[in-house]
PDB file of N, CA and C in Angstrom:
ATOM      1  N   UNK A   1      27.787-157.700 -43.306  1.00  0.00           N
ATOM      2  CA  UNK A   1      26.970-156.497 -43.281  1.00  0.00           C
ATOM      3  C   UNK A   1      27.319-155.622 -44.482  1.00  0.00           C
ATOM      4  N   UNK A   2      26.494-154.644 -44.727  1.00  0.00           N
ATOM      5  CA  UNK A   2      26.742-153.716 -45.830  1.00  0.00           C
ATOM      6  C   UNK A   2      28.032-152.931 -45.580  1.00  0.00           C
ATOM      7  N   UNK A   3      28.230-152.501 -44.346  1.00  0.00           N
ATOM      8  CA  UNK A   3      29.453-151.757 -44.016  1.00  0.00           C
ATOM      9  C   UNK A   3      30.688-152.604 -44.278  1.00  0.00           C
ATOM     10  N   UNK A   4      30.652-153.865 -43.877  1.00  0.00           N
ATOM     11  CA  UNK A   4      31.785-154.759 -44.121  1.00  0.00           C
ATOM     12  C   UNK A   4      32.027-154.932 -45.613  1.00  0.00           C
ATOM     13  N   UNK A   5      30.953-155.048 -46.381  1.00  0.00           N
ATOM     14  CA  UNK A   5      31.102-155.166 -47.834  1.00  0.00           C
ATOM     15  C   UNK A   5      31.860-153.972 -48.394  1.00  0.00           C
ATOM     16  N   UNK A   6      31.456-152.759 -48.016  1.00  0.00           N
ATOM     17  CA  UNK A   6      32.096-151.562 -48.564  1.00  0.00           C
ATOM     18  C   UNK A   6      33.538-151.408 -48.079  1.00  0.00           C
ATOM     19  N   UNK A   7      33.835-151.871 -46.880  1.00  0.00           N
ATOM     20  CA  UNK A   7      35.221-151.849 -46.406  1.00  0.00           C
ATOM     21  C   UNK A   7      36.071-152.785 -47.259  1.00  0.00           C
ATOM     22  N   UNK A   8      35.585-154.004 -47.484  1.00  0.00           N
ATOM     23  CA  UNK A   8      36.326-154.955 -48.332  1.00  0.00           C
ATOM     24  C   UNK A   8      36.462-154.395 -49.741  1.00  0.00           C
ATOM     25  N   UNK A   9      35.389-153.839 -50.271  1.00  0.00           N
ATOM     26  CA  UNK A   9      35.427-153.253 -51.619  1.00  0.00           C
ATOM     27  C   UNK A   9      36.501-152.173 -51.706  1.00  0.00           C
ATOM     28  N   UNK A  10      36.564-151.326 -50.696  1.00  0.00           N
ATOM     29  CA  UNK A  10      37.546-150.248 -50.668  1.00  0.00           C
ATOM     30  C   UNK A  10      38.973-150.786 -50.665  1.00  0.00           C
ATOM     31  N   UNK A  11      39.213-151.846 -49.904  1.00  0.00           N
ATOM     32  CA  UNK A  11      40.560-152.425 -49.820  1.00  0.00           C
ATOM     33  C   UNK A  11      40.945-153.164 -51.102  1.00  0.00           C
ATOM     34  N   UNK A  12      40.013-153.952 -51.624  1.00  0.00           N
ATOM     35  CA  UNK A  12      40.303-154.792 -52.796  1.00  0.00           C
ATOM     36  C   UNK A  12      40.475-153.957 -54.061  1.00  0.00           C
ATOM     37  N   UNK A  13      39.803-152.837 -54.114  1.00  0.00           N
ATOM     38  CA  UNK A  13      39.828-152.004 -55.325  1.00  0.00           C
ATOM     39  C   UNK A  13      41.244-151.556 -55.696  1.00  0.00           C
ATOM     40  N   UNK A  14      42.066-151.285 -54.696  1.00  0.00           N
ATOM     41  CA  UNK A  14      43.447-150.853 -54.931  1.00  0.00           C
ATOM     42  C   UNK A  14      44.393-151.698 -54.078  1.00  0.00           C
ATOM     43  N   UNK A  15      44.683-152.935 -54.500  1.00  0.00           N
ATOM     44  CA  UNK A  15      45.553-153.821 -53.711  1.00  0.00           C
ATOM     45  C   UNK A  15      46.907-153.164 -53.425  1.00  0.00           C
ATOM     46  N   UNK A  16      47.370-153.318 -52.200  1.00  0.00           N
ATOM     47  CA  UNK A  16      48.665-152.770 -51.811  1.00  0.00           C
ATOM     48  C   UNK A  16      48.606-151.339 -51.312  1.00  0.00           C
ATOM     49  N   UNK A  17      47.518-150.636 -51.597  1.00  0.00           N
ATOM     50  CA  UNK A  17      47.368-149.243 -51.180  1.00  0.00           C
ATOM     51  C   UNK A  17      46.831-149.197 -49.751  1.00  0.00           C
ATOM     52  N   UNK A  18      47.495-148.461 -48.887  1.00  0.00           N
ATOM     53  CA  UNK A  18      47.070-148.355 -47.489  1.00  0.00           C
ATOM     54  C   UNK A  18      45.873-147.416 -47.389  1.00  0.00           C
ATOM     55  N   UNK A  19      44.830-147.903 -46.727  1.00  0.00           N
ATOM     56  CA  UNK A  19      43.631-147.095 -46.482  1.00  0.00           C
ATOM     57  C   UNK A  19      43.552-146.798 -44.991  1.00  0.00           C
ATOM     58  N   UNK A  20      43.450-145.533 -44.653  1.00  0.00           N
ATOM     59  CA  UNK A  20      43.310-145.154 -43.247  1.00  0.00           C
ATOM     60  C   UNK A  20      41.900-145.487 -42.769  1.00  0.00           C
ATOM     61  N   UNK A  21      41.720-145.482 -41.479  1.00  0.00           N
ATOM     62  CA  UNK A  21      40.384-145.740 -40.933  1.00  0.00           C
ATOM     63  C   UNK A  21      39.390-144.695 -41.430  1.00  0.00           C
ATOM     64  N   UNK A  22      39.814-143.433 -41.499  1.00  0.00           N
ATOM     65  CA  UNK A  22      38.895-142.390 -41.971  1.00  0.00           C
ATOM     66  C   UNK A  22      38.543-142.593 -43.445  1.00  0.00           C
ATOM     67  N   UNK A  23      39.485-143.054 -44.262  1.00  0.00           N
ATOM     68  CA  UNK A  23      39.173-143.351 -45.663  1.00  0.00           C
ATOM     69  C   UNK A  23      38.192-144.513 -45.763  1.00  0.00           C
ATOM     70  N   UNK A  24      38.378-145.527 -44.929  1.00  0.00           N
ATOM     71  CA  UNK A  24      37.451-146.661 -44.935  1.00  0.00           C
ATOM     72  C   UNK A  24      36.057-146.219 -44.497  1.00  0.00           C
ATOM     73  N   UNK A  25      35.978-145.339 -43.496  1.00  0.00           N
ATOM     74  CA  UNK A  25      34.677-144.809 -43.070  1.00  0.00           C
ATOM     75  C   UNK A  25      34.011-144.064 -44.217  1.00  0.00           C
ATOM     76  N   UNK A  26      34.783-143.233 -44.895  1.00  0.00           N
ATOM     77  CA  UNK A  26      34.247-142.466 -46.024  1.00  0.00           C
ATOM     78  C   UNK A  26      33.747-143.402 -47.113  1.00  0.00           C
ATOM     79  N   UNK A  27      34.542-144.397 -47.476  1.00  0.00           N
ATOM     80  CA  UNK A  27      34.165-145.329 -48.540  1.00  0.00           C
ATOM     81  C   UNK A  27      32.943-146.160 -48.167  1.00  0.00           C
ATOM     82  N   UNK A  28      32.766-146.434 -46.874  1.00  0.00           N
ATOM     83  CA  UNK A  28      31.618-147.220 -46.414  1.00  0.00           C
ATOM     84  C   UNK A  28      30.421-146.328 -46.073  1.00  0.00           C
ATOM     85  N   UNK A  29      30.598-145.017 -46.218  1.00  0.00           N
ATOM     86  CA  UNK A  29      29.538-144.041 -45.917  1.00  0.00           C
ATOM     87  C   UNK A  29      29.031-144.156 -44.478  1.00  0.00           C
ATOM     88  N   UNK A  30      29.982-144.314 -43.555  1.00  0.00           N
ATOM     89  CA  UNK A  30      29.635-144.362 -42.136  1.00  0.00           C
ATOM     90  C   UNK A  30      30.578-143.450 -41.359  1.00  0.00           C
ATOM     91  N   UNK A  31      30.102-142.970 -40.238  1.00  0.00           N
ATOM     92  CA  UNK A  31      30.951-142.206 -39.325  1.00  0.00           C
ATOM     93  C   UNK A  31      30.891-142.938 -37.992  1.00  0.00           C
ATOM     94  N   UNK A  32      32.004-143.555 -37.652  1.00  0.00           N
ATOM     95  CA  UNK A  32      32.070-144.359 -36.433  1.00  0.00           C
ATOM     96  C   UNK A  32      33.406-144.125 -35.745  1.00  0.00           C
ATOM     97  N   UNK A  33      33.534-144.636 -34.563  1.00  0.00           N
ATOM     98  CA  UNK A  33      34.778-144.583 -33.810  1.00  0.00           C
ATOM     99  C   UNK A  33      35.825-145.473 -34.489  1.00  0.00           C
ATOM    100  N   UNK A  34      37.096-145.116 -34.352  1.00  0.00           N
ATOM    101  CA  UNK A  34      38.173-145.926 -34.938  1.00  0.00           C
ATOM    102  C   UNK A  34      38.117-147.378 -34.486  1.00  0.00           C
ATOM    103  N   UNK A  35      37.755-147.595 -33.229  1.00  0.00           N
ATOM    104  CA  UNK A  35      37.705-148.967 -32.726  1.00  0.00           C
ATOM    105  C   UNK A  35      36.610-149.778 -33.415  1.00  0.00           C
ATOM    106  N   UNK A  36      35.586-149.106 -33.922  1.00  0.00           N
ATOM    107  CA  UNK A  36      34.531-149.804 -34.656  1.00  0.00           C
ATOM    108  C   UNK A  36      35.066-150.319 -35.983  1.00  0.00           C
ATOM    109  N   UNK A  37      35.914-149.546 -36.647  1.00  0.00           N
ATOM    110  CA  UNK A  37      36.540-150.012 -37.889  1.00  0.00           C
ATOM    111  C   UNK A  37      37.404-151.231 -37.579  1.00  0.00           C
ATOM    112  N   UNK A  38      38.144-151.174 -36.478  1.00  0.00           N
ATOM    113  CA  UNK A  38      38.965-152.314 -36.066  1.00  0.00           C
ATOM    114  C   UNK A  38      38.093-153.550 -35.865  1.00  0.00           C
ATOM    115  N   UNK A  39      36.944-153.376 -35.240  1.00  0.00           N
ATOM    116  CA  UNK A  39      36.020-154.497 -35.028  1.00  0.00           C
ATOM    117  C   UNK A  39      35.489-155.042 -36.346  1.00  0.00           C
ATOM    118  N   UNK A  40      35.169-154.149 -37.278  1.00  0.00           N
ATOM    119  CA  UNK A  40      34.709-154.590 -38.599  1.00  0.00           C
ATOM    120  C   UNK A  40      35.792-155.413 -39.295  1.00  0.00           C
ATOM    121  N   UNK A  41      37.028-154.937 -39.248  1.00  0.00           N
ATOM    122  CA  UNK A  41      38.138-155.664 -39.881  1.00  0.00           C
ATOM    123  C   UNK A  41      38.289-157.043 -39.241  1.00  0.00           C
ATOM    124  N   UNK A  42      38.176-157.108 -37.929  1.00  0.00           N
ATOM    125  CA  UNK A  42      38.285-158.386 -37.220  1.00  0.00           C
ATOM    126  C   UNK A  42      37.195-159.358 -37.682  1.00  0.00           C
ATOM    127  N   UNK A  43      35.960-158.859 -37.809  1.00  0.00           N
ATOM    128  CA  UNK A  43      34.859-159.717 -38.264  1.00  0.00           C
ATOM    129  C   UNK A  43      35.039-160.136 -39.719  1.00  0.00           C
ATOM    130  N   UNK A  44      35.525-159.219 -40.555  1.00  0.00           N
ATOM    131  CA  UNK A  44      35.772-159.545 -41.968  1.00  0.00           C
ATOM    132  C   UNK A  44      36.805-160.660 -42.063  1.00  0.00           C
ATOM    133  N   UNK A  45      37.900-160.523 -41.322  1.00  0.00           N
ATOM    134  CA  UNK A  45      38.935-161.567 -41.328  1.00  0.00           C
ATOM    135  C   UNK A  45      38.360-162.906 -40.875  1.00  0.00           C
ATOM    136  N   UNK A  46      37.561-162.880 -39.821  1.00  0.00           N
ATOM    137  CA  UNK A  46      36.961-164.110 -39.295  1.00  0.00           C
ATOM    138  C   UNK A  46      36.068-164.780 -40.346  1.00  0.00           C
ATOM    139  N   UNK A  47      35.306-163.993 -41.083  1.00  0.00           N
ATOM    140  CA  UNK A  47      34.421-164.547 -42.114  1.00  0.00           C
ATOM    141  C   UNK A  47      35.221-165.170 -43.253  1.00  0.00           C
ATOM    142  N   UNK A  48      36.282-164.501 -43.695  1.00  0.00           N
ATOM    143  CA  UNK A  48      37.130-165.071 -44.744  1.00  0.00           C
ATOM    144  C   UNK A  48      37.825-166.336 -44.246  1.00  0.00           C
ATOM    145  N   UNK A  49      38.270-166.317 -42.982  1.00  0.00           N
ATOM    146  CA  UNK A  49      38.971-167.483 -42.433  1.00  0.00           C
ATOM    147  C   UNK A  49      38.044-168.683 -42.252  1.00  0.00           C
ATOM    148  N   UNK A  50      36.745-168.441 -42.140  1.00  0.00           N
ATOM    149  CA  UNK A  50      35.787-169.544 -42.074  1.00  0.00           C
ATOM    150  C   UNK A  50      35.755-170.294 -43.407  1.00  0.00           C
ATOM    151  N   UNK A  51      36.079-169.589 -44.488  1.00  0.00           N
ATOM    152  CA  UNK A  51      36.120-170.194 -45.820  1.00  0.00           C
ATOM    153  C   UNK A  51      37.504-170.710 -46.178  1.00  0.00           C
ATOM    154  N   UNK A  52      38.541-170.029 -45.668  1.00  0.00           N
ATOM    155  CA  UNK A  52      39.928-170.386 -45.967  1.00  0.00           C
ATOM    156  C   UNK A  52      40.773-170.077 -44.732  1.00  0.00           C
ATOM    157  N   UNK A  53      41.181-171.124 -44.021  1.00  0.00           N
ATOM    158  CA  UNK A  53      41.937-170.933 -42.777  1.00  0.00           C
ATOM    159  C   UNK A  53      43.246-170.180 -42.982  1.00  0.00           C
ATOM    160  N   UNK A  54      43.784-170.206 -44.189  1.00  0.00           N
ATOM    161  CA  UNK A  54      45.045-169.533 -44.472  1.00  0.00           C
ATOM    162  C   UNK A  54      44.892-168.093 -44.923  1.00  0.00           C
ATOM    163  N   UNK A  55      43.686-167.545 -44.840  1.00  0.00           N
ATOM    164  CA  UNK A  55      43.443-166.176 -45.303  1.00  0.00           C
ATOM    165  C   UNK A  55      44.299-165.178 -44.528  1.00  0.00           C
ATOM    166  N   UNK A  56      45.037-164.352 -45.267  1.00  0.00           N
ATOM    167  CA  UNK A  56      45.836-163.300 -44.635  1.00  0.00           C
ATOM    168  C   UNK A  56      46.018-162.112 -45.576  1.00  0.00           C
ATOM    169  N   UNK A  57      44.993-161.811 -46.355  1.00  0.00           N
ATOM    170  CA  UNK A  57      45.097-160.751 -47.364  1.00  0.00           C
ATOM    171  C   UNK A  57      44.883-159.348 -46.815  1.00  0.00           C
ATOM    172  N   UNK A  58      44.336-159.216 -45.613  1.00  0.00           N
ATOM    173  CA  UNK A  58      44.176-157.888 -45.018  1.00  0.00           C
ATOM    174  C   UNK A  58      45.326-157.679 -44.043  1.00  0.00           C
ATOM    175  N   UNK A  59      46.165-156.728 -44.377  1.00  0.00           N
ATOM    176  CA  UNK A  59      47.344-156.445 -43.558  1.00  0.00           C
ATOM    177  C   UNK A  59      47.128-155.158 -42.770  1.00  0.00           C
ATOM    178  N   UNK A  60      47.458-155.196 -41.496  1.00  0.00           N
ATOM    179  CA  UNK A  60      47.417-154.001 -40.663  1.00  0.00           C
ATOM    180  C   UNK A  60      48.739-153.263 -40.834  1.00  0.00           C
ATOM    181  N   UNK A  61      48.655-151.980 -41.147  1.00  0.00           N
ATOM    182  CA  UNK A  61      49.845-151.143 -41.282  1.00  0.00           C
ATOM    183  C   UNK A  61      49.856-150.208 -40.071  1.00  0.00           C
ATOM    184  N   UNK A  62      50.801-150.446 -39.170  1.00  0.00           N
ATOM    185  CA  UNK A  62      50.856-149.729 -37.899  1.00  0.00           C
ATOM    186  C   UNK A  62      50.762-148.216 -38.100  1.00  0.00           C
ATOM    187  N   UNK A  63      49.864-147.603 -37.361  1.00  0.00           N
ATOM    188  CA  UNK A  63      49.644-146.153 -37.340  1.00  0.00           C
ATOM    189  C   UNK A  63      49.215-145.578 -38.685  1.00  0.00           C
ATOM    190  N   UNK A  64      48.826-146.440 -39.635  1.00  0.00           N
ATOM    191  CA  UNK A  64      48.414-145.941 -40.943  1.00  0.00           C
ATOM    192  C   UNK A  64      47.038-146.451 -41.357  1.00  0.00           C
ATOM    193  N   UNK A  65      46.767-147.736 -41.156  1.00  0.00           N
ATOM    194  CA  UNK A  65      45.480-148.286 -41.564  1.00  0.00           C
ATOM    195  C   UNK A  65      45.602-149.735 -41.987  1.00  0.00           C
ATOM    196  N   UNK A  66      44.963-150.047 -43.098  1.00  0.00           N
ATOM    197  CA  UNK A  66      44.917-151.426 -43.585  1.00  0.00           C
ATOM    198  C   UNK A  66      45.148-151.437 -45.087  1.00  0.00           C
ATOM    199  N   UNK A  67      45.630-152.584 -45.575  1.00  0.00           N
ATOM    200  CA  UNK A  67      45.755-152.748 -47.019  1.00  0.00           C
ATOM    201  C   UNK A  67      45.461-154.192 -47.388  1.00  0.00           C
ATOM    202  N   UNK A  68      44.994-154.362 -48.622  1.00  0.00           N
ATOM    203  CA  UNK A  68      44.720-155.684 -49.178  1.00  0.00           C
ATOM    204  C   UNK A  68      45.974-156.145 -49.897  1.00  0.00           C
ATOM    205  N   UNK A  69      46.440-157.327 -49.565  1.00  0.00           N
ATOM    206  CA  UNK A  69      47.596-157.918 -50.223  1.00  0.00           C
ATOM    207  C   UNK A  69      47.084-159.000 -51.162  1.00  0.00           C
ATOM    208  N   UNK A  70      47.307-158.817 -52.455  1.00  0.00           N
ATOM    209  CA  UNK A  70      46.867-159.800 -53.446  1.00  0.00           C
ATOM    210  C   UNK A  70      47.872-160.940 -53.472  1.00  0.00           C
ATOM    211  N   UNK A  71      47.467-162.084 -52.970  1.00  0.00           N
ATOM    212  CA  UNK A  71      48.347-163.256 -52.896  1.00  0.00           C
ATOM    213  C   UNK A  71      48.369-164.032 -54.206  1.00  0.00           C
ATOM    214  N   UNK A  72      47.537-163.640 -55.163  1.00  0.00           N
ATOM    215  CA  UNK A  72      47.554-164.282 -56.480  1.00  0.00           C
ATOM    216  C   UNK A  72      47.011-165.692 -56.499  1.00  0.00           C
ATOM    217  N   UNK A  73      46.216-166.053 -55.495  1.00  0.00           N
ATOM    218  CA  UNK A  73      45.637-167.396 -55.469  1.00  0.00           C
ATOM    219  C   UNK A  73      44.142-167.330 -55.556  1.00  0.00           C
TER     220      UNK A  73
END
């Protein structure tokens, strides 16, 4: 979806930088419940894993948000 695209774009743009759910909402130009962001992240991971079973570049940072980890592959 477009929202998922902007969430991935927000994470990939600054690898290693933690993005809070509210920052991800802002970057995706949506206002949704925190659990909706969690659902989007889950679907994004599932889509990447359909292409690469070893995908683990989106890291959950407890009580802070999410960050993209550049694995260099």
